[in-house]
């Protein structure tokens, strides 16, 4: 029986998305997500709350769209899969973390409104580093090409963001 690894989260963005590029120009973005759960304790009748924190990773066109759209404090819905990464620190310690690799991200419209601007379709290979459709009349295409960025692995996240391909 095949296993299903899918997760859907609704929460608040805890830090602005950080856009990076792999050595081959693949865009990726990471941001934090806080998910609150609230329930009433049946013994005390008091309301209790717990918050879980997740790291979310986005790739390619979605990474660039997220970096231009989502900001700290925004309430978003994230659908994706859980993925565990492991690495060794320079001191020789083993580290591991579970991340949400996003397939879809959207604004939560429960308490807010949003205006959607559709990007022009890009051909294969055109999503690297801002290359892609320009903004025609109201079309809102890609953003101007950015100067080449060097991949910058997160200091506390271990290796993995300088790799050449999306981790599947």
Protein backbone atom coordinates (compact mmCIF):
# COMPACT_ATOMS: atom_id res chain seq x y z
CA UNK A 1 0.00 0.00 0.00
CA UNK A 2 1.57 3.33 -0.99
CA UNK A 3 2.12 5.85 1.76
CA UNK A 4 0.64 9.31 1.48
CA UNK A 5 2.78 12.19 2.68
CA UNK A 6 0.67 15.30 2.33
CA UNK A 7 -0.01 18.12 4.72
CA UNK A 8 -2.18 21.23 4.62
CA UNK A 9 -1.46 24.02 7.08
CA UNK A 10 -3.07 27.39 7.73
CA UNK A 11 -1.07 29.84 9.77
CA UNK A 12 0.81 33.12 10.02
CA UNK A 13 4.15 33.80 8.34
CA UNK A 14 6.75 34.35 11.09
CA UNK A 15 9.60 35.71 8.95
CA UNK A 16 9.81 37.29 5.51
CA UNK A 17 10.55 34.79 2.73
CA UNK A 18 14.27 34.51 1.93
CA UNK A 19 14.94 34.04 -1.79
CA UNK A 20 18.08 32.15 -2.84
CA UNK A 21 19.34 30.42 -5.96
CA UNK A 22 21.11 27.09 -6.38
CA UNK A 23 24.34 26.83 -8.38
CA UNK A 24 22.26 26.08 -11.47
CA UNK A 25 19.93 29.03 -11.00
CA UNK A 26 16.97 27.23 -9.41
CA UNK A 27 15.05 29.70 -7.24
CA UNK A 28 14.07 28.60 -3.75
CA UNK A 29 12.55 30.43 -0.85
CA UNK A 30 12.15 29.58 2.82
CA UNK A 31 9.92 31.13 5.45
CA UNK A 32 8.52 30.28 8.85
CA UNK A 33 4.90 29.44 9.57
CA UNK A 34 3.16 29.46 12.97
CA UNK A 35 0.04 27.33 13.29
CA UNK A 36 -2.18 27.90 16.33
CA UNK A 37 -4.54 25.35 17.83
CA UNK A 38 -7.15 26.35 20.39
CA UNK A 39 -9.39 24.08 22.44
CA UNK A 40 -11.47 24.13 25.59
CA UNK A 41 -10.19 22.01 28.48
CA UNK A 42 -13.13 19.83 29.52
CA UNK A 43 -12.10 19.69 33.19
CA UNK A 44 -11.41 23.39 33.75
CA UNK A 45 -13.61 24.83 30.98
CA UNK A 46 -10.66 27.17 30.24
CA UNK A 47 -9.49 27.84 26.70
CA UNK A 48 -6.00 26.54 25.96
CA UNK A 49 -3.76 27.23 23.01
CA UNK A 50 -0.66 25.64 21.47
CA UNK A 51 1.48 26.95 18.62
CA UNK A 52 3.53 24.79 16.25
CA UNK A 53 6.28 26.26 14.09
CA UNK A 54 7.19 24.98 10.63
CA UNK A 55 9.84 25.82 8.04
CA UNK A 56 8.33 26.02 4.54
CA UNK A 57 10.40 25.59 1.35
CA UNK A 58 9.22 26.63 -2.14
CA UNK A 59 10.91 26.07 -5.49
CA UNK A 60 11.14 27.65 -8.94
CA UNK A 61 8.40 30.04 -10.10
CA UNK A 62 6.44 29.62 -6.88
CA UNK A 63 9.54 30.64 -4.91
CA UNK A 64 9.83 33.88 -6.86
CA UNK A 65 6.07 34.55 -6.57
CA UNK A 66 6.15 33.92 -2.81
CA UNK A 67 9.17 36.21 -2.34
CA UNK A 68 7.31 39.02 -4.13
CA UNK A 69 3.94 38.44 -2.45
CA UNK A 70 4.13 37.03 1.07
CA UNK A 71 5.36 39.05 4.05
CA UNK A 72 5.77 38.45 7.75
CA UNK A 73 2.41 38.37 9.51
CA UNK A 74 0.40 37.27 6.46
CA UNK A 75 -2.06 34.45 6.99
CA UNK A 76 -1.54 31.75 4.36
CA UNK A 77 -2.58 28.24 3.44
CA UNK A 78 0.21 25.83 2.53
CA UNK A 79 -0.30 22.44 0.88
CA UNK A 80 2.70 20.20 0.41
CA UNK A 81 4.67 17.29 1.80
CA UNK A 82 6.91 16.72 4.80
CA UNK A 83 10.57 16.08 4.11
CA UNK A 84 13.40 15.40 6.54
CA UNK A 85 16.95 16.62 5.95
CA UNK A 86 20.03 15.57 7.90
CA UNK A 87 23.55 17.01 7.93
CA UNK A 88 26.70 17.18 9.98
CA UNK A 89 27.91 20.45 11.50
CA UNK A 90 31.50 21.66 11.25
CA UNK A 91 31.91 20.43 14.84
CA UNK A 92 30.86 16.93 13.78
CA UNK A 93 27.39 16.98 15.38
CA UNK A 94 24.50 15.41 13.48
CA UNK A 95 21.50 17.67 12.87
CA UNK A 96 18.13 16.95 11.35
CA UNK A 97 14.98 18.91 10.58
CA UNK A 98 11.59 18.33 9.04
CA UNK A 99 10.38 20.90 6.52
CA UNK A 100 7.21 21.41 4.52
CA UNK A 101 8.02 21.38 0.80
CA UNK A 102 5.15 23.40 -0.66
CA UNK A 103 3.15 22.39 -3.71
CA UNK A 104 0.68 25.27 -3.34
CA UNK A 105 0.52 28.47 -1.27
CA UNK A 106 -2.31 30.94 -1.11
CA UNK A 107 -3.62 33.74 1.04
CA UNK A 108 -6.22 32.88 3.65
CA UNK A 109 -9.34 34.89 2.90
CA UNK A 110 -11.03 34.22 6.22
CA UNK A 111 -10.19 37.68 7.64
CA UNK A 112 -8.59 39.44 4.69
CA UNK A 113 -8.99 40.10 0.98
CA UNK A 114 -6.40 39.63 -1.74
CA UNK A 115 -5.99 40.78 -5.32
CA UNK A 116 -4.64 38.10 -7.64
CA UNK A 117 -2.45 38.98 -10.61
CA UNK A 118 -1.75 36.12 -12.97
CA UNK A 119 1.79 35.88 -14.33
CA UNK A 120 2.36 35.24 -18.01
CA UNK A 121 3.26 31.67 -18.81
CA UNK A 122 6.95 31.02 -19.12
CA UNK A 123 8.60 28.47 -21.34
CA UNK A 124 10.76 25.65 -19.98
CA UNK A 125 13.93 26.94 -18.37
CA UNK A 126 12.72 30.55 -18.30
CA UNK A 127 11.99 30.65 -14.58
CA UNK A 128 15.62 30.97 -13.55
CA UNK A 129 16.64 34.24 -11.91
CA UNK A 130 13.76 36.40 -13.02
CA UNK A 131 13.97 35.62 -16.72
CA UNK A 132 10.56 35.39 -18.22
CA UNK A 133 7.61 37.29 -19.48
CA UNK A 134 7.52 41.02 -19.15
CA UNK A 135 4.49 42.87 -17.93
CA UNK A 136 2.26 43.67 -20.88
CA UNK A 137 -0.86 45.76 -20.46
CA UNK A 138 -2.11 44.61 -17.09
CA UNK A 139 -0.43 41.23 -17.59
CA UNK A 140 1.95 41.46 -14.65
CA UNK A 141 4.64 39.07 -15.97
CA UNK A 142 7.94 38.29 -14.34
CA UNK A 143 10.15 40.75 -12.56
CA UNK A 144 13.24 42.29 -14.13
CA UNK A 145 16.26 40.04 -14.30
CA UNK A 146 18.22 40.26 -11.06
CA UNK A 147 21.98 40.32 -11.00
CA UNK A 148 23.42 36.83 -10.54
CA UNK A 149 23.09 35.84 -6.90
CA UNK A 150 25.43 33.47 -5.17
CA UNK A 151 23.75 30.64 -3.27
CA UNK A 152 23.85 31.39 0.44
CA UNK A 153 23.12 28.43 2.70
CA UNK A 154 21.38 29.36 5.92
CA UNK A 155 23.84 29.37 8.80
CA UNK A 156 21.52 27.48 11.12
CA UNK A 157 19.84 25.23 8.57
CA UNK A 158 22.84 23.14 7.61
CA UNK A 159 23.78 22.27 4.06
CA UNK A 160 21.19 21.64 1.45
CA UNK A 161 20.39 24.99 -0.11
CA UNK A 162 23.45 25.03 -2.33
CA UNK A 163 22.50 21.82 -4.12
CA UNK A 164 21.85 21.73 -7.83
CA UNK A 165 18.41 20.14 -7.97
CA UNK A 166 15.16 20.17 -6.06
CA UNK A 167 15.37 17.48 -3.35
CA UNK A 168 12.90 14.75 -4.31
